[in-house]
Amino acid sequence: MAVSPPGLEEEVVLRLDDRPVARWLSCPCVTELPAQALRSARILVAEARGGGKEGEAVLAVGTGTLLETARVDVVELPVAVLDAAGRPVSDLRPEDFHVWEDGHPVVVDSLGRSEDLPVLLGLAVDVSGSMEKDFPLVRQAVGGFLADFLRPGDRFFLGTFSWEFSLLLPWGSEPRLAVDRLAGVRVEGGTSLHDAVIKALELFRGKKGPRGLVVITDGEDTTSRTGWDAALRYARTMRTPIFPVGIRVSVLDFVFRSRLSELAAATGGEAFFVGKPEDLPAVYRRIGEQLRQQYVVVYRSPASSAGDAFRQVTVKVQREGVTVRTIPGYFPSP
């Protein structure tokens, strides 16, 4: 039998008819059970919580098969809390957060701060033909951002996209390599923005903790195989804040601006628009502040929405005059 509560760090206990038969401190949690037990016993998976209490996560009944899987659906919400001046608020406690999923209040099991945790950062840089003039300054700004932002323990990846998404640097911690790799990139071709968002987000799959994806582009998608709606839906499944940065995007380009803003809002990030690449360092500092002061709110989903239906999330903070930025909801991961 396998028990897979993603992101769970407390003790997990497996019981047959209330008799403990296995304990784990980390998961995936796997043990062998006799087929007869699966046919006849009541199987209970419970998470040991603070103070010696236990919370029931899932109840299953054996069907006679040799392998049963129970999943504790633990949700990690990236949450940014900003004061009236747009500065991150960093002194909140678990009891300050109130969370609802599909209108049902949930208990916050734990609260982490990215300031205290390693951060995962992804960068996807548009290298289509229209970026040729600005690319030297873009490359320089990316290198400066990584050098200033990264701390020991943080990890990042760097990708580029034109017709296709290319992974220049897989997960690592050496920012000096970024400028060198970008220097060898040919700036040409179309803009497959939708495809790039999906492929960049896929690199976060299975990873836990504070994270963010920065997407730098100067124009509307022209060559993706994936449509906008599909890319947006996929982004909602990954619970990774996206920070689109539009360079020289006309104020009259309402559709493109609204799509970048929608992508940010749907994932708990923020969209930025700069008139020239010289403005990028200030934007990167703002993104860095948000990533470094991000909260990670962990709770167990009541799974009130069946199957793969969208689950609406609401987060409120018990503090006057603050703005809470998080995902409006999510589609359960496959």
C-alpha atoms as a PDB file:
ATOM      1  CA  MET A   1       0.000   0.000   0.000  1.00  0.00           C
ATOM      2  CA  ALA A   2       1.285   3.490  -0.863  1.00  0.00           C
ATOM      3  CA  VAL A   3       0.313   6.700   0.903  1.00  0.00           C
ATOM      4  CA  SER A   4       1.353   9.916  -0.837  1.00  0.00           C
ATOM      5  CA  PRO A   5       0.577  13.162   1.010  1.00  0.00           C
ATOM      6  CA  PRO A   6       2.515  15.727  -1.070  1.00  0.00           C
ATOM      7  CA  GLY A   7       4.399  18.316   0.947  1.00  0.00           C
ATOM      8  CA  LEU A   8       3.560  16.670   4.288  1.00  0.00           C
ATOM      9  CA  GLU A   9       6.299  16.806   6.872  1.00  0.00           C
ATOM     10  CA  GLU A  10       4.468  15.546   9.994  1.00  0.00           C
ATOM     11  CA  GLU A  11       4.272  11.910  11.078  1.00  0.00           C
ATOM     12  CA  VAL A  12       1.852   9.743   9.090  1.00  0.00           C
ATOM     13  CA  VAL A  13       0.306   6.688  10.729  1.00  0.00           C
ATOM     14  CA  LEU A  14      -1.379   3.773   8.933  1.00  0.00           C
ATOM     15  CA  ARG A  15      -3.899   1.766  10.971  1.00  0.00           C
ATOM     16  CA  LEU A  16      -5.835  -1.418  10.297  1.00  0.00           C
ATOM     17  CA  ASP A  17      -8.961  -1.536  12.483  1.00  0.00           C
ATOM     18  CA  ASP A  18      -7.378   1.173  14.698  1.00  0.00           C
ATOM     19  CA  ARG A  19      -4.200  -0.885  15.145  1.00  0.00           C
ATOM     20  CA  PRO A  20      -1.032   1.008  14.067  1.00  0.00           C
ATOM     21  CA  VAL A  21       0.850  -1.015  11.459  1.00  0.00           C
ATOM     22  CA  ALA A  22       3.227   1.590   9.945  1.00  0.00           C
ATOM     23  CA  ARG A  23       4.591   5.073  10.634  1.00  0.00           C
ATOM     24  CA  TRP A  24       6.454   7.501   8.387  1.00  0.00           C
ATOM     25  CA  LEU A  25       8.176  10.830   8.955  1.00  0.00           C
ATOM     26  CA  SER A  26       8.456  11.583   5.227  1.00  0.00           C
ATOM     27  CA  CYS A  27       6.633  10.495   2.090  1.00  0.00           C
ATOM     28  CA  PRO A  28       6.031   8.825  -0.353  1.00  0.00           C
ATOM     29  CA  CYS A  29       5.049   6.259   2.318  1.00  0.00           C
ATOM     30  CA  VAL A  30       5.050   2.618   1.187  1.00  0.00           C
ATOM     31  CA  THR A  31       4.433  -0.623   3.070  1.00  0.00           C
ATOM     32  CA  GLU A  32       3.322  -4.174   2.256  1.00  0.00           C
ATOM     33  CA  LEU A  33       0.028  -5.483   3.632  1.00  0.00           C
ATOM     34  CA  PRO A  34      -1.453  -8.960   3.357  1.00  0.00           C
ATOM     35  CA  ALA A  35      -4.146  -9.272   0.715  1.00  0.00           C
ATOM     36  CA  GLN A  36      -6.535 -10.654   3.345  1.00  0.00           C
ATOM     37  CA  ALA A  37      -6.153  -7.467   5.409  1.00  0.00           C
ATOM     38  CA  LEU A  38      -7.070  -5.323   2.417  1.00  0.00           C
ATOM     39  CA  ARG A  39     -10.203  -7.387   1.858  1.00  0.00           C
ATOM     40  CA  SER A  40     -11.505  -7.268   5.411  1.00  0.00           C
ATOM     41  CA  ALA A  41      -9.943  -4.455   7.438  1.00  0.00           C
ATOM     42  CA  ARG A  42     -10.892  -0.837   7.912  1.00  0.00           C
ATOM     43  CA  ILE A  43      -7.907   1.203   6.724  1.00  0.00           C
ATOM     44  CA  LEU A  44      -7.216   4.595   8.270  1.00  0.00           C
ATOM     45  CA  VAL A  45      -4.481   7.029   7.256  1.00  0.00           C
ATOM     46  CA  ALA A  46      -3.939   9.807   9.793  1.00  0.00           C
ATOM     47  CA  GLU A  47      -1.550  12.714  10.121  1.00  0.00           C
ATOM     48  CA  ALA A  48      -0.136  13.297  13.599  1.00  0.00           C
ATOM     49  CA  ARG A  49      -0.496  16.985  14.368  1.00  0.00           C
ATOM     50  CA  GLY A  50       0.925  19.291  17.030  1.00  0.00           C
ATOM     51  CA  GLY A  51       0.165  18.460  20.683  1.00  0.00           C
ATOM     52  CA  GLY A  52      -0.253  14.765  19.971  1.00  0.00           C
ATOM     53  CA  LYS A  53      -3.568  15.229  18.163  1.00  0.00           C
ATOM     54  CA  GLU A  54      -4.436  13.378  15.014  1.00  0.00           C
ATOM     55  CA  GLY A  55      -6.452  14.502  12.033  1.00  0.00           C
ATOM     56  CA  GLU A  56      -8.107  12.014   9.728  1.00  0.00           C
ATOM     57  CA  ALA A  57      -6.851  12.468   6.193  1.00  0.00           C
ATOM     58  CA  VAL A  58      -8.547   9.689   4.250  1.00  0.00           C
ATOM     59  CA  LEU A  59     -10.604   6.574   4.917  1.00  0.00           C
ATOM     60  CA  ALA A  60     -10.362   3.623   2.556  1.00  0.00           C
ATOM     61  CA  VAL A  61     -11.710   0.068   2.492  1.00  0.00           C
ATOM     62  CA  GLY A  62      -9.651  -2.748   0.992  1.00  0.00           C
ATOM     63  CA  THR A  63     -11.013  -4.257  -2.183  1.00  0.00           C
ATOM     64  CA  GLY A  64      -8.858  -7.325  -2.409  1.00  0.00           C
ATOM     65  CA  THR A  65      -6.275  -5.845  -4.748  1.00  0.00           C
ATOM     66  CA  LEU A  66      -2.626  -6.009  -3.719  1.00  0.00           C
ATOM     67  CA  LEU A  67      -2.048  -2.276  -3.989  1.00  0.00           C
ATOM     68  CA  GLU A  68      -4.241   0.551  -2.746  1.00  0.00           C
ATOM     69  CA  THR A  69      -3.290   4.215  -2.896  1.00  0.00           C
ATOM     70  CA  ALA A  70      -4.521   6.889  -0.477  1.00  0.00           C
ATOM     71  CA  ARG A  71      -3.713  10.539  -1.080  1.00  0.00           C
ATOM     72  CA  VAL A  72      -3.680  13.264   1.548  1.00  0.00           C
ATOM     73  CA  ASP A  73      -4.406  16.350  -0.564  1.00  0.00           C
ATOM     74  CA  VAL A  74      -2.119  18.948   0.988  1.00  0.00           C
ATOM     75  CA  VAL A  75      -2.212  22.390  -0.641  1.00  0.00           C
ATOM     76  CA  GLU A  76       0.635  24.908  -0.569  1.00  0.00           C
ATOM     77  CA  LEU A  77      -0.598  28.441  -1.221  1.00  0.00           C
ATOM     78  CA  PRO A  78       1.874  31.168  -2.177  1.00  0.00           C
ATOM     79  CA  VAL A  79       0.634  34.339  -0.481  1.00  0.00           C
ATOM     80  CA  ALA A  80       2.009  37.879  -0.683  1.00  0.00           C
ATOM     81  CA  VAL A  81       0.773  40.462   1.818  1.00  0.00           C
ATOM     82  CA  LEU A  82       1.482  44.122   1.017  1.00  0.00           C
ATOM     83  CA  ASP A  83       0.940  47.284   3.038  1.00  0.00           C
ATOM     84  CA  ALA A  84      -0.637  50.494   1.702  1.00  0.00           C
ATOM     85  CA  ALA A  85       2.692  51.539   0.154  1.00  0.00           C
ATOM     86  CA  GLY A  86       3.101  48.210  -1.654  1.00  0.00           C
ATOM     87  CA  ARG A  87       5.790  46.930   0.715  1.00  0.00           C
ATOM     88  CA  PRO A  88       5.712  43.286   1.850  1.00  0.00           C
ATOM     89  CA  VAL A  89       4.378  42.669   5.383  1.00  0.00           C
ATOM     90  CA  SER A  90       6.619  40.124   7.090  1.00  0.00           C
ATOM     91  CA  ASP A  91       5.456  39.797  10.714  1.00  0.00           C
ATOM     92  CA  LEU A  92       2.262  37.755  10.335  1.00  0.00           C
ATOM     93  CA  ARG A  93       1.512  34.583  12.276  1.00  0.00           C
ATOM     94  CA  PRO A  94      -0.530  31.483  11.302  1.00  0.00           C
ATOM     95  CA  GLU A  95      -3.521  32.707  13.312  1.00  0.00           C
ATOM     96  CA  ASP A  96      -3.589  35.907  11.230  1.00  0.00           C
ATOM     97  CA  PHE A  97      -4.538  33.929   8.109  1.00  0.00           C
ATOM     98  CA  HIS A  98      -8.071  32.760   7.322  1.00  0.00           C
ATOM     99  CA  VAL A  99      -8.519  30.439   4.339  1.00  0.00           C
ATOM    100  CA  TRP A 100     -11.588  29.114   2.565  1.00  0.00           C
ATOM    101  CA  GLU A 101     -11.758  26.552  -0.238  1.00  0.00           C
ATOM    102  CA  ASP A 102     -14.994  26.477  -2.207  1.00  0.00           C
ATOM    103  CA  GLY A 103     -16.563  28.469   0.617  1.00  0.00           C
ATOM    104  CA  HIS A 104     -15.526  26.012   3.325  1.00  0.00           C
ATOM    105  CA  PRO A 105     -13.153  27.255   6.048  1.00  0.00           C
ATOM    106  CA  VAL A 106      -9.957  25.207   6.348  1.00  0.00           C
ATOM    107  CA  VAL A 107      -7.388  24.937   9.113  1.00  0.00           C
ATOM    108  CA  VAL A 108      -3.945  26.380   8.356  1.00  0.00           C
ATOM    109  CA  ASP A 109      -1.601  23.512   9.244  1.00  0.00           C
ATOM    110  CA  SER A 110       1.620  25.475   8.871  1.00  0.00           C
ATOM    111  CA  LEU A 111       2.970  28.816   7.721  1.00  0.00           C
ATOM    112  CA  GLY A 112       6.381  29.362   6.186  1.00  0.00           C
ATOM    113  CA  ARG A 113       8.160  32.489   4.988  1.00  0.00           C
ATOM    114  CA  SER A 114      10.384  32.521   1.950  1.00  0.00           C
ATOM    115  CA  GLU A 115      12.775  34.758   3.866  1.00  0.00           C
ATOM    116  CA  ASP A 116      13.592  31.707   5.988  1.00  0.00           C
ATOM    117  CA  LEU A 117      13.459  29.125   3.190  1.00  0.00           C
ATOM    118  CA  PRO A 118      15.340  28.403  -0.046  1.00  0.00           C
ATOM    119  CA  VAL A 119      13.574  29.997  -3.025  1.00  0.00           C
ATOM    120  CA  LEU A 120      13.034  28.410  -6.429  1.00  0.00           C
ATOM    121  CA  LEU A 121      13.266  30.927  -9.277  1.00  0.00           C
ATOM    122  CA  GLY A 122      12.559  30.329 -12.939  1.00  0.00           C
ATOM    123  CA  LEU A 123      13.331  32.736 -15.781  1.00  0.00           C
ATOM    124  CA  ALA A 124      11.976  32.503 -19.314  1.00  0.00           C
ATOM    125  CA  VAL A 125      13.391  35.136 -21.697  1.00  0.00           C
ATOM    126  CA  ASP A 126      11.905  36.025 -25.082  1.00  0.00           C
ATOM    127  CA  VAL A 127      14.618  35.812 -27.787  1.00  0.00           C
ATOM    128  CA  SER A 128      12.362  36.328 -30.814  1.00  0.00           C
ATOM    129  CA  GLY A 129      13.523  38.590 -33.614  1.00  0.00           C
ATOM    130  CA  SER A 130      11.773  41.667 -32.253  1.00  0.00           C
ATOM    131  CA  MET A 131      13.951  41.490 -29.104  1.00  0.00           C
ATOM    132  CA  GLU A 132      17.217  41.926 -31.015  1.00  0.00           C
ATOM    133  CA  LYS A 133      17.711  45.632 -30.307  1.00  0.00           C
ATOM    134  CA  ASP A 134      16.998  45.406 -26.569  1.00  0.00           C
ATOM    135  CA  PHE A 135      18.551  42.020 -25.880  1.00  0.00           C
ATOM    136  CA  PRO A 136      22.017  43.190 -24.712  1.00  0.00           C
ATOM    137  CA  LEU A 137      20.444  45.258 -21.936  1.00  0.00           C
ATOM    138  CA  VAL A 138      17.953  42.493 -21.126  1.00  0.00           C
ATOM    139  CA  ARG A 139      20.812  40.006 -20.799  1.00  0.00           C
ATOM    140  CA  GLN A 140      22.728  42.351 -18.520  1.00  0.00           C
ATOM    141  CA  ALA A 141      19.659  42.991 -16.339  1.00  0.00           C
ATOM    142  CA  VAL A 142      18.975  39.248 -15.952  1.00  0.00           C
ATOM    143  CA  GLY A 143      22.544  38.665 -14.792  1.00  0.00           C
ATOM    144  CA  GLY A 144      22.301  41.501 -12.287  1.00  0.00           C
ATOM    145  CA  PHE A 145      18.978  40.243 -10.963  1.00  0.00           C
ATOM    146  CA  LEU A 146      20.320  36.756 -10.311  1.00  0.00           C
ATOM    147  CA  ALA A 147      23.521  38.035  -8.707  1.00  0.00           C
ATOM    148  CA  ASP A 148      21.614  40.338  -6.348  1.00  0.00           C
ATOM    149  CA  PHE A 149      18.710  38.038  -5.518  1.00  0.00           C
ATOM    150  CA  LEU A 150      20.139  34.563  -5.027  1.00  0.00           C
ATOM    151  CA  ARG A 151      21.248  33.408  -1.588  1.00  0.00           C
ATOM    152  CA  PRO A 152      22.915  30.162  -0.503  1.00  0.00           C
ATOM    153  CA  GLY A 153      20.376  27.370  -0.891  1.00  0.00           C
ATOM    154  CA  ASP A 154      18.317  29.121  -3.581  1.00  0.00           C
ATOM    155  CA  ARG A 155      18.081  27.485  -6.999  1.00  0.00           C
ATOM    156  CA  PHE A 156      17.142  28.807 -10.422  1.00  0.00           C
ATOM    157  CA  PHE A 157      16.742  27.745 -14.015  1.00  0.00           C
ATOM    158  CA  LEU A 158      17.071  29.827 -17.170  1.00  0.00           C
ATOM    159  CA  GLY A 159      15.198  29.262 -20.396  1.00  0.00           C
ATOM    160  CA  THR A 160      14.673  31.172 -23.626  1.00  0.00           C
ATOM    161  CA  PHE A 161      11.914  31.025 -26.192  1.00  0.00           C
ATOM    162  CA  SER A 162      11.265  32.068 -29.754  1.00  0.00           C
ATOM    163  CA  TRP A 163       9.748  29.349 -31.953  1.00  0.00           C
ATOM    164  CA  GLU A 164      10.575  26.823 -29.221  1.00  0.00           C
ATOM    165  CA  PHE A 165      11.417  26.878 -25.512  1.00  0.00           C
ATOM    166  CA  SER A 166      15.062  26.014 -24.784  1.00  0.00           C
ATOM    167  CA  LEU A 167      16.450  25.260 -21.329  1.00  0.00           C
ATOM    168  CA  LEU A 168      19.818  27.030 -21.158  1.00  0.00           C
ATOM    169  CA  LEU A 169      20.547  26.266 -17.511  1.00  0.00           C
ATOM    170  CA  PRO A 170      18.767  23.535 -15.521  1.00  0.00           C
ATOM    171  CA  TRP A 171      18.221  23.924 -11.797  1.00  0.00           C
ATOM    172  CA  GLY A 172      21.416  25.303 -10.259  1.00  0.00           C
ATOM    173  CA  SER A 173      22.891  28.097  -8.178  1.00  0.00           C
ATOM    174  CA  GLU A 174      25.586  29.778 -10.314  1.00  0.00           C
ATOM    175  CA  PRO A 175      24.241  33.138 -11.572  1.00  0.00           C
ATOM    176  CA  ARG A 176      27.458  34.010 -13.417  1.00  0.00           C
ATOM    177  CA  LEU A 177      26.677  31.276 -15.950  1.00  0.00           C
ATOM    178  CA  ALA A 178      23.462  33.003 -17.015  1.00  0.00           C
ATOM    179  CA  VAL A 179      25.068  35.952 -18.809  1.00  0.00           C
ATOM    180  CA  ASP A 180      27.539  33.654 -20.582  1.00  0.00           C
ATOM    181  CA  ARG A 181      24.784  31.359 -21.825  1.00  0.00           C
ATOM    182  CA  LEU A 182      22.580  34.226 -22.949  1.00  0.00           C
ATOM    183  CA  ALA A 183      25.523  35.741 -24.852  1.00  0.00           C
ATOM    184  CA  GLY A 184      25.542  32.720 -27.137  1.00  0.00           C
ATOM    185  CA  VAL A 185      21.837  32.851 -27.989  1.00  0.00           C
ATOM    186  CA  ARG A 186      20.667  33.821 -31.476  1.00  0.00           C
ATOM    187  CA  VAL A 187      17.866  36.368 -31.274  1.00  0.00           C
ATOM    188  CA  GLU A 188      15.475  35.480 -34.071  1.00  0.00           C
ATOM    189  CA  GLY A 189      12.169  33.837 -34.885  1.00  0.00           C
ATOM    190  CA  GLY A 190       8.599  33.988 -33.653  1.00  0.00           C
ATOM    191  CA  THR A 191       7.144  34.179 -30.142  1.00  0.00           C
ATOM    192  CA  SER A 192       5.806  30.949 -28.616  1.00  0.00           C
ATOM    193  CA  LEU A 193       4.838  32.516 -25.300  1.00  0.00           C
ATOM    194  CA  HIS A 194       2.056  30.075 -24.388  1.00  0.00           C
ATOM    195  CA  ASP A 195       4.258  27.046 -24.995  1.00  0.00           C
ATOM    196  CA  ALA A 196       7.086  28.630 -23.028  1.00  0.00           C
ATOM    197  CA  VAL A 197       4.888  29.265 -19.986  1.00  0.00           C
ATOM    198  CA  ILE A 198       3.783  25.631 -19.904  1.00  0.00           C
ATOM    199  CA  LYS A 199       7.264  24.194 -20.399  1.00  0.00           C
ATOM    200  CA  ALA A 200       8.805  26.516 -17.820  1.00  0.00           C
ATOM    201  CA  LEU A 201       6.120  25.703 -15.248  1.00  0.00           C
ATOM    202  CA  GLU A 202       6.643  21.986 -15.849  1.00  0.00           C
ATOM    203  CA  LEU A 203      10.138  22.382 -14.404  1.00  0.00           C
ATOM    204  CA  PHE A 204       8.560  23.232 -11.022  1.00  0.00           C
ATOM    205  CA  ARG A 205       6.609  19.973 -10.887  1.00  0.00           C
ATOM    206  CA  GLY A 206       7.315  17.970  -7.753  1.00  0.00           C
ATOM    207  CA  LYS A 207       9.191  20.801  -6.068  1.00  0.00           C
ATOM    208  CA  LYS A 208       8.049  22.346  -2.793  1.00  0.00           C
ATOM    209  CA  GLY A 209       8.563  25.678  -1.117  1.00  0.00           C
ATOM    210  CA  PRO A 210       8.535  29.346  -2.182  1.00  0.00           C
ATOM    211  CA  ARG A 211       8.892  29.854  -5.915  1.00  0.00           C
ATOM    212  CA  GLY A 212       8.229  32.204  -8.773  1.00  0.00           C
ATOM    213  CA  LEU A 213       8.485  32.302 -12.568  1.00  0.00           C
ATOM    214  CA  VAL A 214       9.609  35.508 -14.313  1.00  0.00           C
ATOM    215  CA  VAL A 215       8.644  35.734 -17.993  1.00  0.00           C
ATOM    216  CA  ILE A 216      10.258  38.507 -20.059  1.00  0.00           C
ATOM    217  CA  THR A 217       8.706  39.314 -23.425  1.00  0.00           C
ATOM    218  CA  ASP A 218       7.970  42.176 -25.793  1.00  0.00           C
ATOM    219  CA  GLY A 219       4.936  41.005 -27.673  1.00  0.00           C
ATOM    220  CA  GLU A 220       1.926  38.808 -28.310  1.00  0.00           C
ATOM    221  CA  ASP A 221       2.247  35.091 -28.978  1.00  0.00           C
ATOM    222  CA  THR A 222       2.607  34.332 -32.685  1.00  0.00           C
ATOM    223  CA  THR A 223       3.791  30.726 -33.045  1.00  0.00           C
ATOM    224  CA  SER A 224       2.619  28.593 -30.079  1.00  0.00           C
ATOM    225  CA  ARG A 225       0.958  25.249 -30.601  1.00  0.00           C
ATOM    226  CA  THR A 226      -0.974  25.860 -27.376  1.00  0.00           C
ATOM    227  CA  GLY A 227      -3.884  28.276 -27.120  1.00  0.00           C
ATOM    228  CA  TRP A 228      -4.203  30.962 -24.472  1.00  0.00           C
ATOM    229  CA  ASP A 229      -6.998  29.256 -22.519  1.00  0.00           C
ATOM    230  CA  ALA A 230      -5.050  26.013 -22.257  1.00  0.00           C
ATOM    231  CA  ALA A 231      -1.914  27.811 -21.088  1.00  0.00           C
ATOM    232  CA  LEU A 232      -3.875  29.745 -18.458  1.00  0.00           C
ATOM    233  CA  ARG A 233      -5.590  26.612 -17.186  1.00  0.00           C
ATOM    234  CA  TYR A 234      -2.281  24.811 -16.891  1.00  0.00           C
ATOM    235  CA  ALA A 235      -0.776  27.737 -14.994  1.00  0.00           C
ATOM    236  CA  ARG A 236      -3.594  27.453 -12.466  1.00  0.00           C
ATOM    237  CA  THR A 237      -2.694  23.837 -11.717  1.00  0.00           C
ATOM    238  CA  MET A 238       0.904  24.619 -10.758  1.00  0.00           C
ATOM    239  CA  ARG A 239       0.329  27.113  -7.900  1.00  0.00           C
ATOM    240  CA  THR A 240       3.461  28.998  -8.946  1.00  0.00           C
ATOM    241  CA  PRO A 241       3.333  32.813  -8.985  1.00  0.00           C
ATOM    242  CA  ILE A 242       4.123  34.185 -12.439  1.00  0.00           C
ATOM    243  CA  PHE A 243       5.638  37.639 -12.926  1.00  0.00           C
ATOM    244  CA  PRO A 244       5.278  38.640 -16.593  1.00  0.00           C
ATOM    245  CA  VAL A 245       7.462  41.571 -17.642  1.00  0.00           C
ATOM    246  CA  GLY A 246       6.368  43.304 -20.844  1.00  0.00           C
ATOM    247  CA  ILE A 247       8.992  45.422 -22.607  1.00  0.00           C
ATOM    248  CA  ARG A 248       7.880  48.311 -24.846  1.00  0.00           C
ATOM    249  CA  VAL A 249       4.292  47.025 -24.918  1.00  0.00           C
ATOM    250  CA  SER A 250       2.035  49.761 -26.262  1.00  0.00           C
ATOM    251  CA  VAL A 251      -0.644  51.082 -23.925  1.00  0.00           C
ATOM    252  CA  LEU A 252      -2.997  50.541 -26.854  1.00  0.00           C
ATOM    253  CA  ASP A 253      -2.251  46.807 -26.934  1.00  0.00           C
ATOM    254  CA  PHE A 254      -5.139  46.073 -24.594  1.00  0.00           C
ATOM    255  CA  VAL A 255      -5.432  42.370 -25.362  1.00  0.00           C
ATOM    256  CA  PHE A 256      -1.790  41.510 -24.714  1.00  0.00           C
ATOM    257  CA  ARG A 257      -1.575  43.650 -21.589  1.00  0.00           C
ATOM    258  CA  SER A 258      -4.756  42.133 -20.197  1.00  0.00           C
ATOM    259  CA  ARG A 259      -3.496  38.615 -20.860  1.00  0.00           C
ATOM    260  CA  LEU A 260      -0.226  39.193 -19.042  1.00  0.00           C
ATOM    261  CA  SER A 261      -2.149  40.741 -16.149  1.00  0.00           C
ATOM    262  CA  GLU A 262      -4.602  37.834 -16.123  1.00  0.00           C
ATOM    263  CA  LEU A 263      -1.748  35.328 -16.048  1.00  0.00           C
ATOM    264  CA  ALA A 264      -0.254  37.102 -13.043  1.00  0.00           C
ATOM    265  CA  ALA A 265      -3.563  37.433 -11.188  1.00  0.00           C
ATOM    266  CA  ALA A 266      -4.455  33.774 -11.771  1.00  0.00           C
ATOM    267  CA  THR A 267      -1.211  32.614 -10.169  1.00  0.00           C
ATOM    268  CA  GLY A 268      -0.671  35.121  -7.363  1.00  0.00           C
ATOM    269  CA  GLY A 269       2.032  37.099  -9.171  1.00  0.00           C
ATOM    270  CA  GLU A 270       2.153  40.586 -10.638  1.00  0.00           C
ATOM    271  CA  ALA A 271       2.521  41.914 -14.180  1.00  0.00           C
ATOM    272  CA  PHE A 272       4.984  44.695 -14.990  1.00  0.00           C
ATOM    273  CA  PHE A 273       5.328  46.870 -18.089  1.00  0.00           C
ATOM    274  CA  VAL A 274       8.450  48.887 -18.853  1.00  0.00           C
ATOM    275  CA  GLY A 275       8.973  51.459 -21.584  1.00  0.00           C
ATOM    276  CA  LYS A 276      12.637  50.609 -22.023  1.00  0.00           C
ATOM    277  CA  PRO A 277      14.993  47.835 -20.846  1.00  0.00           C
ATOM    278  CA  GLU A 278      16.905  50.306 -18.664  1.00  0.00           C
ATOM    279  CA  ASP A 279      13.912  50.137 -16.312  1.00  0.00           C
ATOM    280  CA  LEU A 280      14.274  46.383 -15.749  1.00  0.00           C
ATOM    281  CA  PRO A 281      16.546  46.495 -12.648  1.00  0.00           C
ATOM    282  CA  ALA A 282      13.878  48.384 -10.661  1.00  0.00           C
ATOM    283  CA  VAL A 283      11.256  45.823 -11.700  1.00  0.00           C
ATOM    284  CA  TYR A 284      13.514  42.937 -10.735  1.00  0.00           C
ATOM    285  CA  ARG A 285      14.076  44.478  -7.295  1.00  0.00           C
ATOM    286  CA  ARG A 286      10.310  44.646  -6.814  1.00  0.00           C
ATOM    287  CA  ILE A 287       9.893  41.024  -7.872  1.00  0.00           C
ATOM    288  CA  GLY A 288      12.765  39.969  -5.625  1.00  0.00           C
ATOM    289  CA  GLU A 289      11.167  41.665  -2.616  1.00  0.00           C
ATOM    290  CA  GLN A 290       7.905  39.838  -3.207  1.00  0.00           C
ATOM    291  CA  LEU A 291       9.572  36.475  -3.666  1.00  0.00           C
ATOM    292  CA  ARG A 292      11.729  36.900  -0.576  1.00  0.00           C
ATOM    293  CA  GLN A 293       8.774  37.981   1.595  1.00  0.00           C
ATOM    294  CA  GLN A 294       6.327  35.394   0.283  1.00  0.00           C
ATOM    295  CA  TYR A 295       4.318  33.289   2.726  1.00  0.00           C
ATOM    296  CA  VAL A 296       3.639  29.606   2.133  1.00  0.00           C
ATOM    297  CA  VAL A 297       0.282  28.670   3.672  1.00  0.00           C
ATOM    298  CA  VAL A 298      -0.235  24.916   3.995  1.00  0.00           C
ATOM    299  CA  TYR A 299      -3.611  23.254   4.528  1.00  0.00           C
ATOM    300  CA  ARG A 300      -5.402  20.011   3.725  1.00  0.00           C
ATOM    301  CA  SER A 301      -8.051  20.367   1.060  1.00  0.00           C
ATOM    302  CA  PRO A 302     -11.602  19.370   2.014  1.00  0.00           C
ATOM    303  CA  ALA A 303     -11.881  18.270  -1.648  1.00  0.00           C
ATOM    304  CA  SER A 304     -15.402  19.663  -1.904  1.00  0.00           C
ATOM    305  CA  SER A 305     -15.108  19.850  -5.692  1.00  0.00           C
ATOM    306  CA  ALA A 306     -15.130  16.446  -7.308  1.00  0.00           C
ATOM    307  CA  GLY A 307     -12.657  15.267  -9.888  1.00  0.00           C
ATOM    308  CA  ASP A 308     -10.643  17.923 -11.683  1.00  0.00           C
ATOM    309  CA  ALA A 309     -13.078  20.795 -11.133  1.00  0.00           C
ATOM    310  CA  PHE A 310     -11.654  24.211 -10.296  1.00  0.00           C
ATOM    311  CA  ARG A 311     -11.353  24.823  -6.551  1.00  0.00           C
ATOM    312  CA  GLN A 312     -11.886  28.426  -5.492  1.00  0.00           C
ATOM    313  CA  VAL A 313      -9.574  29.758  -2.778  1.00  0.00           C
ATOM    314  CA  THR A 314     -10.058  32.835  -0.610  1.00  0.00           C
ATOM    315  CA  VAL A 315      -7.416  34.138   1.798  1.00  0.00           C
ATOM    316  CA  LYS A 316      -7.939  36.961   4.258  1.00  0.00           C
ATOM    317  CA  VAL A 317      -5.493  38.408   6.747  1.00  0.00           C
ATOM    318  CA  GLN A 318      -6.376  39.844  10.140  1.00  0.00           C
ATOM    319  CA  ARG A 319      -4.561  43.130   9.621  1.00  0.00           C
ATOM    320  CA  GLU A 320      -5.995  46.500   8.645  1.00  0.00           C
ATOM    321  CA  GLY A 321      -4.892  48.240   5.449  1.00  0.00           C
ATOM    322  CA  VAL A 322      -3.123  45.308   3.760  1.00  0.00           C
ATOM    323  CA  THR A 323      -3.560  43.741   0.333  1.00  0.00           C
ATOM    324  CA  VAL A 324      -3.456  39.959   0.005  1.00  0.00           C
ATOM    325  CA  ARG A 325      -2.235  38.504  -3.268  1.00  0.00           C
ATOM    326  CA  THR A 326      -2.575  34.778  -3.938  1.00  0.00           C
ATOM    327  CA  ILE A 327      -4.122  32.435  -6.466  1.00  0.00           C
ATOM    328  CA  PRO A 328      -7.923  32.773  -6.843  1.00  0.00           C
ATOM    329  CA  GLY A 329      -8.109  28.987  -6.982  1.00  0.00           C
ATOM    330  CA  TYR A 330      -6.556  25.986  -8.650  1.00  0.00           C
ATOM    331  CA  PHE A 331      -7.216  22.892 -10.675  1.00  0.00           C
ATOM    332  CA  PRO A 332      -6.025  19.769  -8.841  1.00  0.00           C
ATOM    333  CA  SER A 333      -2.766  18.425 -10.216  1.00  0.00           C
ATOM    334  CA  PRO A 334      -3.064  15.249 -12.264  1.00  0.00           C
END
